[in-house]
Protein backbone atom coordinates (compact mmCIF):
# COMPACT_ATOMS: atom_id res chain seq x y z
CA MET A 1 -193.08 -86.80 47.50
CA ALA A 2 -196.59 -86.34 49.42
CA GLN A 3 -196.51 -86.82 53.24
CA VAL A 4 -198.97 -89.11 55.10
CA SER A 5 -198.69 -89.76 58.91
CA ILE A 6 -200.36 -93.02 60.17
CA ILE A 7 -201.27 -93.14 63.97
CA GLY A 8 -201.87 -96.70 65.25
CA LEU A 9 -199.71 -99.62 64.41
CA GLY A 10 -201.87 -102.50 64.62
CA ARG A 11 -201.95 -104.98 61.45
CA MET A 12 -203.96 -102.59 59.67
CA GLY A 13 -202.23 -99.58 60.02
CA ARG A 14 -198.98 -101.12 59.75
CA ALA A 15 -199.82 -102.76 56.70
CA MET A 16 -200.86 -99.38 55.21
CA ALA A 17 -197.51 -97.59 56.42
CA VAL A 18 -196.01 -100.40 54.42
CA ARG A 19 -197.55 -99.95 51.10
CA LEU A 20 -197.61 -95.90 51.15
CA VAL A 21 -194.14 -96.57 51.26
CA GLU A 22 -193.98 -98.81 48.72
CA ARG A 23 -196.15 -96.52 46.57
CA GLY A 24 -193.87 -93.53 46.89
CA PHE A 25 -195.01 -91.73 50.11
CA ALA A 26 -193.01 -90.01 52.98
CA VAL A 27 -194.66 -91.73 55.83
CA ALA A 28 -194.33 -90.54 59.59
CA VAL A 29 -195.57 -93.01 62.23
CA TYR A 30 -197.09 -93.02 65.77
CA ASN A 31 -197.96 -95.62 68.06
CA ARG A 32 -198.66 -95.76 71.63
CA THR A 33 -196.48 -98.80 71.94
CA VAL A 34 -193.24 -97.11 70.53
CA ARG A 35 -191.52 -100.60 70.13
CA ARG A 36 -194.12 -101.25 67.05
CA ALA A 37 -193.00 -97.78 65.56
CA GLU A 38 -189.39 -98.55 65.98
CA GLU A 39 -189.67 -102.35 64.44
CA LEU A 40 -191.34 -101.30 61.97
CA ALA A 41 -188.73 -98.20 61.17
CA GLY A 42 -186.23 -100.76 60.92
CA GLU A 43 -187.92 -102.37 58.12
CA VAL A 44 -188.96 -99.62 55.99
CA ASP A 45 -188.27 -96.05 55.75
CA VAL A 46 -190.89 -94.37 57.83
CA ARG A 47 -189.97 -91.62 60.56
CA VAL A 48 -190.92 -92.38 63.89
CA CYS A 49 -192.99 -89.84 66.01
CA VAL A 50 -193.01 -89.89 70.02
CA THR A 51 -196.56 -88.37 70.29
CA ALA A 52 -199.57 -87.97 68.48
CA ARG A 53 -199.16 -84.32 68.15
CA GLU A 54 -196.06 -84.47 66.65
CA ALA A 55 -197.38 -87.04 63.65
CA ALA A 56 -200.75 -84.79 63.28
CA ALA A 57 -198.39 -82.01 62.75
CA ALA A 58 -196.17 -84.21 60.33
CA SER A 59 -198.58 -84.24 57.24
CA PRO A 60 -201.30 -82.65 55.23
CA VAL A 61 -203.31 -86.29 55.42
CA VAL A 62 -203.27 -88.27 58.83
CA ILE A 63 -204.51 -91.72 58.77
CA THR A 64 -205.86 -93.01 61.98
CA ALA A 65 -206.12 -96.61 62.90
CA VAL A 66 -207.16 -97.70 66.13
CA ALA A 67 -208.78 -100.64 68.00
CA ASP A 68 -211.78 -98.73 69.98
CA ASP A 69 -213.56 -95.40 70.55
CA ALA A 70 -211.66 -95.66 74.20
CA ALA A 71 -208.44 -95.62 72.16
CA LEU A 72 -209.48 -93.55 69.56
CA LEU A 73 -210.21 -90.46 71.95
CA GLU A 74 -206.86 -91.30 73.81
CA VAL A 75 -204.74 -90.44 70.83
CA ALA A 76 -207.07 -87.43 69.77
CA GLU A 77 -207.03 -85.56 73.27
CA GLY A 78 -204.58 -83.96 75.89
CA GLY A 79 -201.43 -81.82 75.20
CA ASP A 80 -199.72 -84.66 73.28
CA GLY A 81 -202.77 -85.40 71.32
CA LEU A 82 -203.82 -85.59 67.67
CA LEU A 83 -205.72 -82.36 67.89
CA ALA A 84 -203.05 -80.50 69.21
CA GLY A 85 -200.90 -80.83 66.15
CA LEU A 86 -203.81 -80.32 63.54
CA GLY A 87 -203.69 -77.19 61.54
CA ASP A 88 -205.68 -75.49 58.46
CA GLY A 89 -206.43 -77.61 55.80
CA THR A 90 -205.18 -80.98 57.33
CA VAL A 91 -207.49 -84.07 56.78
CA VAL A 92 -208.02 -86.56 58.91
CA VAL A 93 -208.88 -89.98 57.68
CA GLU A 94 -210.31 -91.90 60.69
CA THR A 95 -210.23 -95.86 59.26
CA SER A 96 -211.08 -97.49 62.62
CA THR A 97 -214.14 -99.25 63.35
CA VAL A 98 -216.21 -97.17 66.05
CA ALA A 99 -219.72 -95.69 66.93
CA ALA A 100 -221.27 -93.16 64.76
CA THR A 101 -221.53 -90.85 67.62
CA THR A 102 -217.88 -91.11 68.40
CA MET A 103 -217.10 -90.25 64.68
CA ARG A 104 -219.51 -87.07 65.10
CA GLU A 105 -217.92 -86.21 68.23
CA LEU A 106 -214.51 -86.26 66.83
CA ALA A 107 -215.44 -84.55 63.56
CA GLY A 108 -216.36 -81.68 65.89
CA LEU A 109 -213.20 -81.36 67.79
CA VAL A 110 -211.15 -81.58 64.26
CA ALA A 111 -213.20 -79.13 62.84
CA ALA A 112 -212.46 -76.59 65.66
CA THR A 113 -208.98 -76.98 64.98
CA GLY A 114 -209.45 -75.92 61.00
CA ALA A 115 -208.44 -79.35 59.81
CA ARG A 116 -211.31 -81.76 58.52
CA LEU A 117 -212.29 -85.07 59.48
CA LEU A 118 -213.41 -88.26 57.28
CA ASP A 119 -215.14 -90.84 58.59
CA ALA A 120 -213.55 -93.46 56.56
CA PRO A 121 -213.41 -96.93 57.89
CA VAL A 122 -212.28 -99.98 55.65
CA SER A 123 -213.50 -103.28 54.57
CA GLY A 124 -210.90 -105.71 54.13
CA SER A 125 -207.84 -107.57 55.62
CA VAL A 126 -203.95 -107.14 55.59
CA PRO A 127 -203.49 -108.78 52.46
CA SER A 128 -206.35 -106.50 51.01
CA VAL A 129 -203.85 -103.39 52.09
CA GLN A 130 -201.17 -105.11 50.48
CA LYS A 131 -202.91 -105.50 47.02
CA GLY A 132 -204.31 -102.11 47.54
CA GLU A 133 -207.60 -103.46 47.45
CA LEU A 134 -209.54 -102.16 50.42
CA VAL A 135 -212.96 -100.87 50.21
CA PHE A 136 -213.14 -97.27 51.85
CA LEU A 137 -216.77 -96.42 53.46
CA VAL A 138 -216.59 -92.48 53.49
CA GLY A 139 -218.52 -90.03 55.27
CA GLY A 140 -217.57 -86.36 55.32
CA ASP A 141 -216.88 -83.28 52.90
CA ALA A 142 -217.10 -84.43 49.42
CA ASP A 143 -214.35 -81.64 48.90
CA ALA A 144 -212.12 -83.35 51.71
CA VAL A 145 -212.47 -87.05 49.95
CA ASP A 146 -210.77 -85.61 46.51
CA ALA A 147 -207.84 -83.87 48.70
CA VAL A 148 -206.92 -87.13 50.16
CA ARG A 149 -207.84 -89.37 46.87
CA PRO A 150 -204.36 -90.05 46.06
CA VAL A 151 -203.94 -91.44 49.35
CA MET A 152 -206.86 -93.49 49.16
CA ASP A 153 -206.22 -94.69 45.62
CA ALA A 154 -202.82 -96.22 46.73
CA LEU A 155 -204.92 -98.63 49.42
CA ALA A 156 -207.99 -99.28 47.90
CA LYS A 157 -209.88 -100.50 44.81
CA GLN A 158 -213.00 -98.77 45.74
CA VAL A 159 -213.95 -95.12 47.67
CA ILE A 160 -217.61 -94.97 48.30
CA HIS A 161 -218.92 -91.66 49.43
CA LEU A 162 -221.69 -92.26 51.39
CA GLY A 163 -223.12 -88.93 53.31
CA ASP A 164 -222.11 -87.24 56.20
CA VAL A 165 -219.83 -88.08 58.94
CA GLY A 166 -221.11 -90.81 60.66
CA ALA A 167 -222.55 -92.46 57.36
CA GLY A 168 -219.25 -94.50 57.04
CA ALA A 169 -219.17 -95.63 61.03
CA ALA A 170 -222.73 -96.75 60.59
CA THR A 171 -222.03 -98.78 57.15
CA LYS A 172 -219.03 -100.53 58.45
CA LEU A 173 -220.73 -101.81 61.24
CA ALA A 174 -223.48 -103.01 58.87
CA VAL A 175 -220.76 -104.58 56.75
CA ASN A 176 -218.82 -106.20 59.73
CA ALA A 177 -222.42 -107.57 61.10
CA VAL A 178 -222.83 -109.62 57.85
CA VAL A 179 -219.01 -110.69 58.35
CA HIS A 180 -219.47 -111.60 61.84
CA ALA A 181 -223.02 -113.68 60.83
CA LEU A 182 -220.68 -115.57 58.00
CA ASN A 183 -217.97 -116.31 60.35
CA VAL A 184 -220.52 -117.83 63.21
CA SER A 185 -222.50 -119.72 60.24
CA LEU A 186 -218.99 -121.19 58.93
CA SER A 187 -217.55 -122.23 62.22
CA GLU A 188 -221.22 -124.24 62.70
CA ALA A 189 -220.90 -125.76 59.41
CA LEU A 190 -217.18 -126.79 59.14
CA VAL A 191 -217.90 -128.84 62.11
CA LEU A 192 -221.11 -130.37 61.06
CA THR A 193 -219.84 -131.82 58.22
CA GLU A 194 -216.73 -132.80 59.74
CA GLN A 195 -218.74 -134.68 62.70
CA ALA A 196 -220.73 -136.00 59.84
CA GLY A 197 -217.65 -137.84 58.43
CA VAL A 198 -216.60 -135.28 55.95
CA GLY A 199 -212.84 -134.42 55.90
CA ARG A 200 -212.44 -131.01 56.63
CA GLU A 201 -210.48 -129.99 53.90
CA ALA A 202 -212.93 -131.25 51.57
CA ALA A 203 -215.59 -129.84 53.21
CA TYR A 204 -214.37 -126.55 53.10
CA ASP A 205 -213.64 -126.64 49.43
CA ALA A 206 -217.16 -127.38 49.04
CA ILE A 207 -218.65 -124.48 50.96
CA ALA A 208 -216.04 -122.06 49.11
CA ALA A 209 -217.36 -123.29 45.87
CA SER A 210 -220.91 -122.91 46.81
CA ALA A 211 -223.10 -119.92 46.62
CA ALA A 212 -222.08 -119.33 50.15
CA GLY A 213 -218.34 -118.83 49.07
CA ALA A 214 -218.01 -115.03 49.93
CA PRO A 215 -214.82 -113.42 49.60
CA PHE A 216 -214.21 -113.80 53.40
CA VAL A 217 -214.73 -117.97 52.93
CA HIS A 218 -211.79 -117.85 50.72
CA TYR A 219 -209.23 -115.54 52.62
CA LYS A 220 -210.14 -116.98 56.06
CA ARG A 221 -209.29 -120.51 54.60
CA ALA A 222 -206.11 -121.19 56.37
CA ALA A 223 -207.33 -119.74 59.68
CA PHE A 224 -210.30 -122.57 59.72
CA LEU A 225 -208.24 -125.03 58.19
CA ASP A 226 -205.09 -124.98 59.98
CA PRO A 227 -206.14 -122.60 63.33
CA GLU A 228 -203.28 -123.60 65.49
CA ALA A 229 -200.95 -122.45 62.79
CA THR A 230 -202.69 -119.24 61.92
CA PRO A 231 -201.84 -116.31 63.31
CA ALA A 232 -204.97 -114.27 64.76
CA ALA A 233 -206.22 -111.43 62.32
CA PHE A 234 -209.19 -110.15 63.73
CA ALA A 235 -209.34 -111.15 67.62
CA LEU A 236 -212.85 -112.48 68.97
CA ALA A 237 -213.10 -109.88 71.66
CA LEU A 238 -212.72 -107.23 68.70
CA VAL A 239 -215.66 -109.31 67.21
CA ALA A 240 -217.72 -108.84 70.02
CA LYS A 241 -216.78 -105.06 70.50
CA ASP A 242 -218.35 -104.79 66.90
CA LEU A 243 -221.61 -106.52 67.20
CA ARG A 244 -222.13 -104.22 70.58
CA LEU A 245 -221.49 -101.26 68.58
CA ALA A 246 -224.12 -102.38 65.56
CA ILE A 247 -226.70 -103.32 68.49
CA ALA A 248 -226.36 -100.15 70.22
CA LEU A 249 -226.89 -98.31 66.54
CA ALA A 250 -229.67 -100.22 66.03
CA GLU A 251 -231.17 -99.48 69.58
CA GLU A 252 -230.58 -95.82 68.76
CA THR A 253 -232.28 -96.12 65.43
CA GLY A 254 -235.16 -98.52 65.97
CA ALA A 255 -233.59 -101.27 63.55
CA PRO A 256 -234.38 -104.79 64.45
CA LEU A 257 -230.95 -106.66 64.91
CA PRO A 258 -231.80 -110.28 66.34
CA GLN A 259 -229.18 -112.10 63.92
CA ALA A 260 -226.57 -110.12 65.32
CA ARG A 261 -227.69 -110.27 69.17
CA ALA A 262 -227.97 -114.08 68.68
CA ASN A 263 -224.42 -113.70 67.18
CA LEU A 264 -223.04 -111.67 69.94
CA GLU A 265 -224.32 -114.40 72.39
CA VAL A 266 -222.13 -116.94 70.82
CA VAL A 267 -219.18 -114.68 70.27
CA GLU A 268 -219.28 -113.66 73.93
CA GLY A 269 -219.36 -117.52 75.22
CA ALA A 270 -216.20 -118.21 73.45
CA VAL A 271 -214.68 -115.07 74.92
CA ALA A 272 -215.66 -115.79 78.42
CA GLY A 273 -214.04 -118.88 77.80
CA GLY A 274 -210.69 -117.51 77.66
CA ASN A 275 -210.72 -117.00 73.92
CA GLY A 276 -210.63 -113.38 73.58
CA GLU A 277 -207.49 -113.12 71.87
CA ARG A 278 -207.81 -115.91 69.46
CA ASP A 279 -208.90 -115.52 65.78
CA MET A 280 -212.78 -115.16 64.76
CA SER A 281 -212.04 -118.70 63.31
CA TRP A 282 -211.23 -120.32 66.49
CA LEU A 283 -215.39 -120.52 66.86
CA ALA A 284 -214.63 -123.64 65.12
CA GLU A 285 -212.36 -125.01 67.57
CA VAL A 286 -214.92 -123.96 70.38
CA HIS A 287 -217.90 -125.90 68.64
CA ARG A 288 -215.30 -128.93 68.46
CA ASN A 289 -214.58 -128.62 72.01
CA THR A 290 -218.19 -128.32 73.35
């Protein structure tokens, strides 16, 4: 039985832990809020670690899945951090959406321990994890990718090796810029049809069946049709974080990003209105109440 550690038990980290247990892996977990780890251990057979260091030392493959750059560095550094528990041959699979510069900084720190880091953010949702249909966007050493392939294959339908560390992070920001643009446009389009007298469900069916019916449109159906009853899957505050990171990368590289800047303005307005913890689809509700 292969051993994997997961650091960070938000929606995606938790779902990955469950999926790996179901696929026969022995899983150790760590979360800064210990209660989440303990609750998970009450549902599936995982080992709860009290520090990131303990989790990193427990397995040859360590998956990190945290909210942002600050959280990643917090769990990595210090006497009880991830870096303190790494050893020769360990591969860290960093799946969070963070800046490429943060990925490269962490890769250097990981390498100094004798371990290797894969810059490997994922595209997909919790249902994608549950079905083993994530897409890994990977930067890093090809040999390290081969070493963790059984773990990735248990979680994903595709692993795309994009180049060196930083390439995965940059590509994930590009992918999310498209997703967030779809979210803004879909929110506006749905409210437009409603105000023109078309029923919400019928309008959504039409959009989903059209050329605009990307996978995002299909898996966000419940959230858009019944926003009050559907739990948040991707908070607007995190959407704003992603767009800021994408714009910062654009400024570093000289790439124009006018659409992302316009979308960030819309999202920041919604967050400023007290909707930061609401799901990204809540933008439609913001438009309805404008």
